[in-house]
Amino acid sequence: TWYHESFPRAKMRAEYTGEGPSKFVSIGGEHWLTKGRQTKPPQGHASGDNTEFNAPYVWHVKDGGDEAPPAVRAEIQHVWKPAYFLDGAVNLRE
């Protein structure tokens, strides 16, 4: 993945991990690319309370903060190509 190689020190959130340092993983790390992360869903999740599922990793680039400092966010915005159906969308105008 191009972002894995381009932003190895960036952090993304390991969803459903609660709070604390374990909720973030390095995009430059290898384990998230090859290994699933089975976890129990939070209470009220649509999958049911006893079903384990593969929890996602999410890079909240648009939110900034620890996951995407201003320089990283600006670089992503520069190289990102929006989907064809967003051409001309008001929120994409510069």
C-alpha atoms as a PDB file:
ATOM      1  CA  THR A   1       0.000   0.000   0.000  1.00  0.00           C
ATOM      2  CA  TRP A   2       1.389   3.403  -0.925  1.00  0.00           C
ATOM      3  CA  TYR A   3       0.466   5.046   2.401  1.00  0.00           C
ATOM      4  CA  HIS A   4       2.217   2.254   4.338  1.00  0.00           C
ATOM      5  CA  GLU A   5       5.437   3.128   2.539  1.00  0.00           C
ATOM      6  CA  SER A   6       4.908   6.900   2.366  1.00  0.00           C
ATOM      7  CA  PHE A   7       3.876   7.490   5.993  1.00  0.00           C
ATOM      8  CA  PRO A   8       5.552   4.764   8.081  1.00  0.00           C
ATOM      9  CA  ARG A   9       5.483   6.786  11.317  1.00  0.00           C
ATOM     10  CA  ALA A  10       1.828   7.801  11.051  1.00  0.00           C
ATOM     11  CA  LYS A  11      -0.637   6.252  13.489  1.00  0.00           C
ATOM     12  CA  MET A  12      -4.053   4.746  12.856  1.00  0.00           C
ATOM     13  CA  ARG A  13      -6.676   3.664  15.320  1.00  0.00           C
ATOM     14  CA  ALA A  14      -7.324   0.018  16.139  1.00  0.00           C
ATOM     15  CA  GLU A  15     -11.109   0.211  16.491  1.00  0.00           C
ATOM     16  CA  TYR A  16     -12.892  -1.313  19.510  1.00  0.00           C
ATOM     17  CA  THR A  17      -9.790  -1.200  21.718  1.00  0.00           C
ATOM     18  CA  GLY A  18     -11.028   1.361  24.219  1.00  0.00           C
ATOM     19  CA  GLU A  19      -8.610   4.008  25.424  1.00  0.00           C
ATOM     20  CA  GLY A  20      -4.885   3.949  26.085  1.00  0.00           C
ATOM     21  CA  PRO A  21      -1.732   3.517  24.025  1.00  0.00           C
ATOM     22  CA  SER A  22      -2.807   0.184  22.494  1.00  0.00           C
ATOM     23  CA  LYS A  23      -5.566   1.899  20.530  1.00  0.00           C
ATOM     24  CA  PHE A  24      -3.028   3.210  17.976  1.00  0.00           C
ATOM     25  CA  VAL A  25      -0.798   1.190  15.633  1.00  0.00           C
ATOM     26  CA  SER A  26       1.929   2.354  13.285  1.00  0.00           C
ATOM     27  CA  ILE A  27       0.993   2.417   9.609  1.00  0.00           C
ATOM     28  CA  GLY A  28       4.604   1.460   8.895  1.00  0.00           C
ATOM     29  CA  GLY A  29       4.286  -1.740  10.939  1.00  0.00           C
ATOM     30  CA  GLU A  30       3.823  -5.090   9.233  1.00  0.00           C
ATOM     31  CA  HIS A  31       1.414  -6.966  11.501  1.00  0.00           C
ATOM     32  CA  TRP A  32      -1.765  -5.092  10.566  1.00  0.00           C
ATOM     33  CA  LEU A  33      -1.173  -5.872   6.871  1.00  0.00           C
ATOM     34  CA  THR A  34      -1.093  -9.632   7.334  1.00  0.00           C
ATOM     35  CA  LYS A  35      -2.879 -10.560  10.558  1.00  0.00           C
ATOM     36  CA  GLY A  36      -6.507 -10.110  11.552  1.00  0.00           C
ATOM     37  CA  ARG A  37      -7.519  -8.779  14.961  1.00  0.00           C
ATOM     38  CA  GLN A  38     -10.349 -10.809  16.440  1.00  0.00           C
ATOM     39  CA  THR A  39     -12.269  -9.014  19.154  1.00  0.00           C
ATOM     40  CA  LYS A  40     -15.660  -9.010  20.825  1.00  0.00           C
ATOM     41  CA  PRO A  41     -18.044  -6.290  19.694  1.00  0.00           C
ATOM     42  CA  PRO A  42     -18.992  -3.451  22.012  1.00  0.00           C
ATOM     43  CA  GLN A  43     -22.362  -3.675  23.736  1.00  0.00           C
ATOM     44  CA  GLY A  44     -25.201  -2.927  21.329  1.00  0.00           C
ATOM     45  CA  HIS A  45     -23.182  -3.741  18.186  1.00  0.00           C
ATOM     46  CA  ALA A  46     -25.287  -5.063  15.293  1.00  0.00           C
ATOM     47  CA  SER A  47     -23.315  -8.331  15.133  1.00  0.00           C
ATOM     48  CA  GLY A  48     -24.515  -9.426  18.585  1.00  0.00           C
ATOM     49  CA  ASP A  49     -22.780  -9.556  21.934  1.00  0.00           C
ATOM     50  CA  ASN A  50     -21.102 -12.974  21.694  1.00  0.00           C
ATOM     51  CA  THR A  51     -19.848 -12.989  18.113  1.00  0.00           C
ATOM     52  CA  GLU A  52     -16.168 -12.283  17.553  1.00  0.00           C
ATOM     53  CA  PHE A  53     -15.270 -10.318  14.448  1.00  0.00           C
ATOM     54  CA  ASN A  54     -12.210  -8.890  12.739  1.00  0.00           C
ATOM     55  CA  ALA A  55     -11.945  -5.341  14.077  1.00  0.00           C
ATOM     56  CA  PRO A  56     -10.783  -2.715  11.569  1.00  0.00           C
ATOM     57  CA  TYR A  57      -7.918  -0.288  11.621  1.00  0.00           C
ATOM     58  CA  VAL A  58      -8.939   3.233  10.593  1.00  0.00           C
ATOM     59  CA  TRP A  59      -6.712   6.157   9.691  1.00  0.00           C
ATOM     60  CA  HIS A  60      -8.672   9.311  10.546  1.00  0.00           C
ATOM     61  CA  VAL A  61      -6.638  11.601   8.301  1.00  0.00           C
ATOM     62  CA  LYS A  62      -9.311  14.278   8.054  1.00  0.00           C
ATOM     63  CA  ASP A  63      -9.468  14.614  11.856  1.00  0.00           C
ATOM     64  CA  GLY A  64      -5.792  15.520  12.292  1.00  0.00           C
ATOM     65  CA  GLY A  65      -4.405  15.207  15.808  1.00  0.00           C
ATOM     66  CA  ASP A  66      -2.121  12.277  16.622  1.00  0.00           C
ATOM     67  CA  GLU A  67      -3.226  10.350  13.548  1.00  0.00           C
ATOM     68  CA  ALA A  68      -2.442  13.036  10.975  1.00  0.00           C
ATOM     69  CA  PRO A  69      -0.445  16.110  11.972  1.00  0.00           C
ATOM     70  CA  PRO A  70      -0.901  19.122   9.630  1.00  0.00           C
ATOM     71  CA  ALA A  71       2.045  18.233   7.360  1.00  0.00           C
ATOM     72  CA  VAL A  72       0.815  14.657   6.843  1.00  0.00           C
ATOM     73  CA  ARG A  73      -2.766  15.782   6.257  1.00  0.00           C
ATOM     74  CA  ALA A  74      -1.613  18.355   3.678  1.00  0.00           C
ATOM     75  CA  GLU A  75       0.447  15.761   1.821  1.00  0.00           C
ATOM     76  CA  ILE A  76      -2.467  13.299   1.722  1.00  0.00           C
ATOM     77  CA  GLN A  77      -4.812  16.014   0.446  1.00  0.00           C
ATOM     78  CA  HIS A  78      -2.305  16.796  -2.296  1.00  0.00           C
ATOM     79  CA  VAL A  79      -2.059  13.216  -3.620  1.00  0.00           C
ATOM     80  CA  TRP A  80      -5.605  11.989  -2.919  1.00  0.00           C
ATOM     81  CA  LYS A  81      -7.833  11.493  -5.938  1.00  0.00           C
ATOM     82  CA  PRO A  82     -11.544  11.722  -5.091  1.00  0.00           C
ATOM     83  CA  ALA A  83     -13.971   9.265  -6.638  1.00  0.00           C
ATOM     84  CA  TYR A  84     -15.215  10.262 -10.093  1.00  0.00           C
ATOM     85  CA  PHE A  85     -18.743  10.906  -8.823  1.00  0.00           C
ATOM     86  CA  LEU A  86     -17.448  13.648  -6.515  1.00  0.00           C
ATOM     87  CA  ASP A  87     -16.172  15.736  -9.412  1.00  0.00           C
ATOM     88  CA  GLY A  88     -17.392  19.288  -8.896  1.00  0.00           C
ATOM     89  CA  ALA A  89     -18.599  18.715  -5.317  1.00  0.00           C
ATOM     90  CA  VAL A  90     -18.787  21.974  -3.358  1.00  0.00           C
ATOM     91  CA  ASN A  91     -16.721  20.632  -0.461  1.00  0.00           C
ATOM     92  CA  LEU A  92     -13.800  19.802  -2.815  1.00  0.00           C
ATOM     93  CA  ARG A  93     -13.396  23.285  -4.231  1.00  0.00           C
ATOM     94  CA  GLU A  94     -10.157  25.040  -3.327  1.00  0.00           C
END
